[in-house]
Each structure stands twice: as C-alpha cells, then as structure tokens.
Amino acid sequence: MVRIRLTRMGKKKQPFYRIVVVDQKKKRDGAYIESLGYYNPLKEPYEVKVDIDRAVEWMLKGAQPSETVSKLLGKLGLYEKLEEAKSKKA
C-alpha cells in the first residue's frame, strides 16, 4: 500500500520533516516515490508547504495519509479539494 507520511530531516534536536509518498514497507527515512512538501514544527506558528494538487492526485490513486499528515493536510483544505475532484470525476 502507498502512504503519504513524514520523513525526518534536520539536525539533532532540530526536526524538519518532508511530506512524501512512499511504499508502506519502506523504512521511515528510506527511499520515497515523490516529495510533496515539508513541515517545520519549530517555526512559530509552524510552517507547512504542500503541493495540494499532487496530494489529491495520489489520494485518488489510493494513497493513504498517516494520522499526522492527515491532520496537517486537513488544515490546508485538502479534503475539500478531494471532494471536488471526486465529484468532477463521477
């Protein structure tokens, strides 16, 4: 199964995450299929940048977001765009 999840980057005690599309069986920081954006929890307020259109495409193909990524994408309005895309497709 293909997942949309975080992969950790950055130095010790300075986490920085990429939001990536990866096969579920790969390691957390293993090879990924595509990078969709990033999440920086250290900035105030936290910083999230994601290519929403690509994320919608992957979710239409069956990719499942992790719990954390689902919350982040929900705050960016991904699920509204996903519903629009599904209604256009039908």
C-alpha atoms as a PDB file:
ATOM      1  CA  MET A   1       0.000   0.000   0.000  1.00  0.00           C
ATOM      2  CA  VAL A   2       1.181   3.518  -0.770  1.00  0.00           C
ATOM      3  CA  ARG A   3       1.220   6.002   2.120  1.00  0.00           C
ATOM      4  CA  ILE A   4       1.667   9.748   2.426  1.00  0.00           C
ATOM      5  CA  ARG A   5       3.786  10.265   5.528  1.00  0.00           C
ATOM      6  CA  LEU A   6       6.553  12.282   7.154  1.00  0.00           C
ATOM      7  CA  THR A   7      10.249  11.567   6.795  1.00  0.00           C
ATOM      8  CA  ARG A   8      12.570  13.211   9.307  1.00  0.00           C
ATOM      9  CA  MET A   9      15.314  15.573   8.215  1.00  0.00           C
ATOM     10  CA  GLY A  10      17.355  18.148  10.099  1.00  0.00           C
ATOM     11  CA  LYS A  11      19.927  18.043  12.859  1.00  0.00           C
ATOM     12  CA  LYS A  12      19.735  16.568  16.305  1.00  0.00           C
ATOM     13  CA  LYS A  13      17.005  18.319  18.346  1.00  0.00           C
ATOM     14  CA  GLN A  14      16.052  20.386  15.282  1.00  0.00           C
ATOM     15  CA  PRO A  15      13.484  18.282  13.441  1.00  0.00           C
ATOM     16  CA  PHE A  16      12.325  19.168   9.968  1.00  0.00           C
ATOM     17  CA  TYR A  17      10.024  16.858   8.015  1.00  0.00           C
ATOM     18  CA  ARG A  18       9.341  16.193   4.357  1.00  0.00           C
ATOM     19  CA  ILE A  19       5.874  15.047   3.363  1.00  0.00           C
ATOM     20  CA  VAL A  20       6.492  12.143   0.994  1.00  0.00           C
ATOM     21  CA  VAL A  21       4.690   9.406  -0.916  1.00  0.00           C
ATOM     22  CA  VAL A  22       6.259   6.062  -0.015  1.00  0.00           C
ATOM     23  CA  ASP A  23       5.561   2.340  -0.070  1.00  0.00           C
ATOM     24  CA  GLN A  24       4.319   1.302   3.372  1.00  0.00           C
ATOM     25  CA  LYS A  25       7.024  -1.378   3.712  1.00  0.00           C
ATOM     26  CA  LYS A  26       9.923   1.101   3.399  1.00  0.00           C
ATOM     27  CA  LYS A  27      11.760   2.497   6.406  1.00  0.00           C
ATOM     28  CA  ARG A  28      10.760   5.893   7.836  1.00  0.00           C
ATOM     29  CA  ASP A  29      13.711   7.632   6.202  1.00  0.00           C
ATOM     30  CA  GLY A  30      14.038   5.209   3.283  1.00  0.00           C
ATOM     31  CA  ALA A  31      13.617   5.836  -0.421  1.00  0.00           C
ATOM     32  CA  TYR A  32      10.393   7.553  -1.413  1.00  0.00           C
ATOM     33  CA  ILE A  33       8.381   7.852  -4.619  1.00  0.00           C
ATOM     34  CA  GLU A  34       7.723  11.606  -4.549  1.00  0.00           C
ATOM     35  CA  SER A  35       8.167  14.545  -2.200  1.00  0.00           C
ATOM     36  CA  LEU A  36       5.002  16.638  -1.833  1.00  0.00           C
ATOM     37  CA  GLY A  37       6.248  19.344   0.526  1.00  0.00           C
ATOM     38  CA  TYR A  38       7.580  19.975   4.009  1.00  0.00           C
ATOM     39  CA  TYR A  39       6.563  20.622   7.620  1.00  0.00           C
ATOM     40  CA  ASN A  40       8.646  22.679  10.051  1.00  0.00           C
ATOM     41  CA  PRO A  41       7.307  22.397  13.626  1.00  0.00           C
ATOM     42  CA  LEU A  42       9.979  24.693  15.116  1.00  0.00           C
ATOM     43  CA  LYS A  43       8.757  27.916  13.492  1.00  0.00           C
ATOM     44  CA  GLU A  44       6.136  29.904  15.379  1.00  0.00           C
ATOM     45  CA  PRO A  45       3.498  29.332  14.019  1.00  0.00           C
ATOM     46  CA  TYR A  46       4.535  26.035  12.433  1.00  0.00           C
ATOM     47  CA  GLU A  47       5.210  26.090   8.701  1.00  0.00           C
ATOM     48  CA  VAL A  48       3.626  23.684   6.211  1.00  0.00           C
ATOM     49  CA  LYS A  49       4.034  23.822   2.452  1.00  0.00           C
ATOM     50  CA  VAL A  50       2.431  21.104   0.323  1.00  0.00           C
ATOM     51  CA  ASP A  51       1.572  20.681  -3.354  1.00  0.00           C
ATOM     52  CA  ILE A  52      -2.149  20.104  -2.737  1.00  0.00           C
ATOM     53  CA  ASP A  53      -2.907  19.152  -6.350  1.00  0.00           C
ATOM     54  CA  ARG A  54      -0.328  16.342  -6.316  1.00  0.00           C
ATOM     55  CA  ALA A  55      -1.581  15.154  -2.924  1.00  0.00           C
ATOM     56  CA  VAL A  56      -5.143  14.984  -4.300  1.00  0.00           C
ATOM     57  CA  GLU A  57      -3.895  13.000  -7.308  1.00  0.00           C
ATOM     58  CA  TRP A  58      -2.123  10.486  -5.069  1.00  0.00           C
ATOM     59  CA  MET A  59      -5.158  10.116  -2.809  1.00  0.00           C
ATOM     60  CA  LEU A  60      -7.388   9.500  -5.839  1.00  0.00           C
ATOM     61  CA  LYS A  61      -4.963   6.729  -6.843  1.00  0.00           C
ATOM     62  CA  GLY A  62      -5.411   5.139  -3.406  1.00  0.00           C
ATOM     63  CA  ALA A  63      -2.587   6.566  -1.267  1.00  0.00           C
ATOM     64  CA  GLN A  64      -3.487   6.702   2.432  1.00  0.00           C
ATOM     65  CA  PRO A  65      -2.152   9.584   4.572  1.00  0.00           C
ATOM     66  CA  SER A  66      -0.719   8.870   8.018  1.00  0.00           C
ATOM     67  CA  GLU A  67      -2.613  10.288  11.002  1.00  0.00           C
ATOM     68  CA  THR A  68      -0.288  13.277  11.412  1.00  0.00           C
ATOM     69  CA  VAL A  69      -0.194  14.083   7.706  1.00  0.00           C
ATOM     70  CA  SER A  70      -3.984  13.777   7.550  1.00  0.00           C
ATOM     71  CA  LYS A  71      -4.342  16.453  10.241  1.00  0.00           C
ATOM     72  CA  LEU A  72      -1.841  18.763   8.513  1.00  0.00           C
ATOM     73  CA  LEU A  73      -3.483  18.367   5.112  1.00  0.00           C
ATOM     74  CA  GLY A  74      -6.937  18.862   6.612  1.00  0.00           C
ATOM     75  CA  LYS A  75      -5.884  22.263   7.943  1.00  0.00           C
ATOM     76  CA  LEU A  76      -4.748  23.206   4.429  1.00  0.00           C
ATOM     77  CA  GLY A  77      -8.123  22.316   2.907  1.00  0.00           C
ATOM     78  CA  LEU A  78      -7.106  19.132   1.112  1.00  0.00           C
ATOM     79  CA  TYR A  79     -10.309  17.237   1.838  1.00  0.00           C
ATOM     80  CA  GLU A  80     -12.493  19.920   0.249  1.00  0.00           C
ATOM     81  CA  LYS A  81     -10.380  19.743  -2.932  1.00  0.00           C
ATOM     82  CA  LEU A  82     -10.529  15.954  -2.804  1.00  0.00           C
ATOM     83  CA  GLU A  83     -14.338  16.024  -2.686  1.00  0.00           C
ATOM     84  CA  GLU A  84     -14.400  18.472  -5.626  1.00  0.00           C
ATOM     85  CA  ALA A  85     -12.128  16.182  -7.639  1.00  0.00           C
ATOM     86  CA  LYS A  86     -14.265  13.128  -6.828  1.00  0.00           C
ATOM     87  CA  SER A  87     -17.473  14.936  -7.853  1.00  0.00           C
ATOM     88  CA  LYS A  88     -15.897  16.058 -11.153  1.00  0.00           C
ATOM     89  CA  LYS A  89     -14.729  12.524 -11.857  1.00  0.00           C
ATOM     90  CA  ALA A  90     -18.174  10.981 -11.248  1.00  0.00           C
END
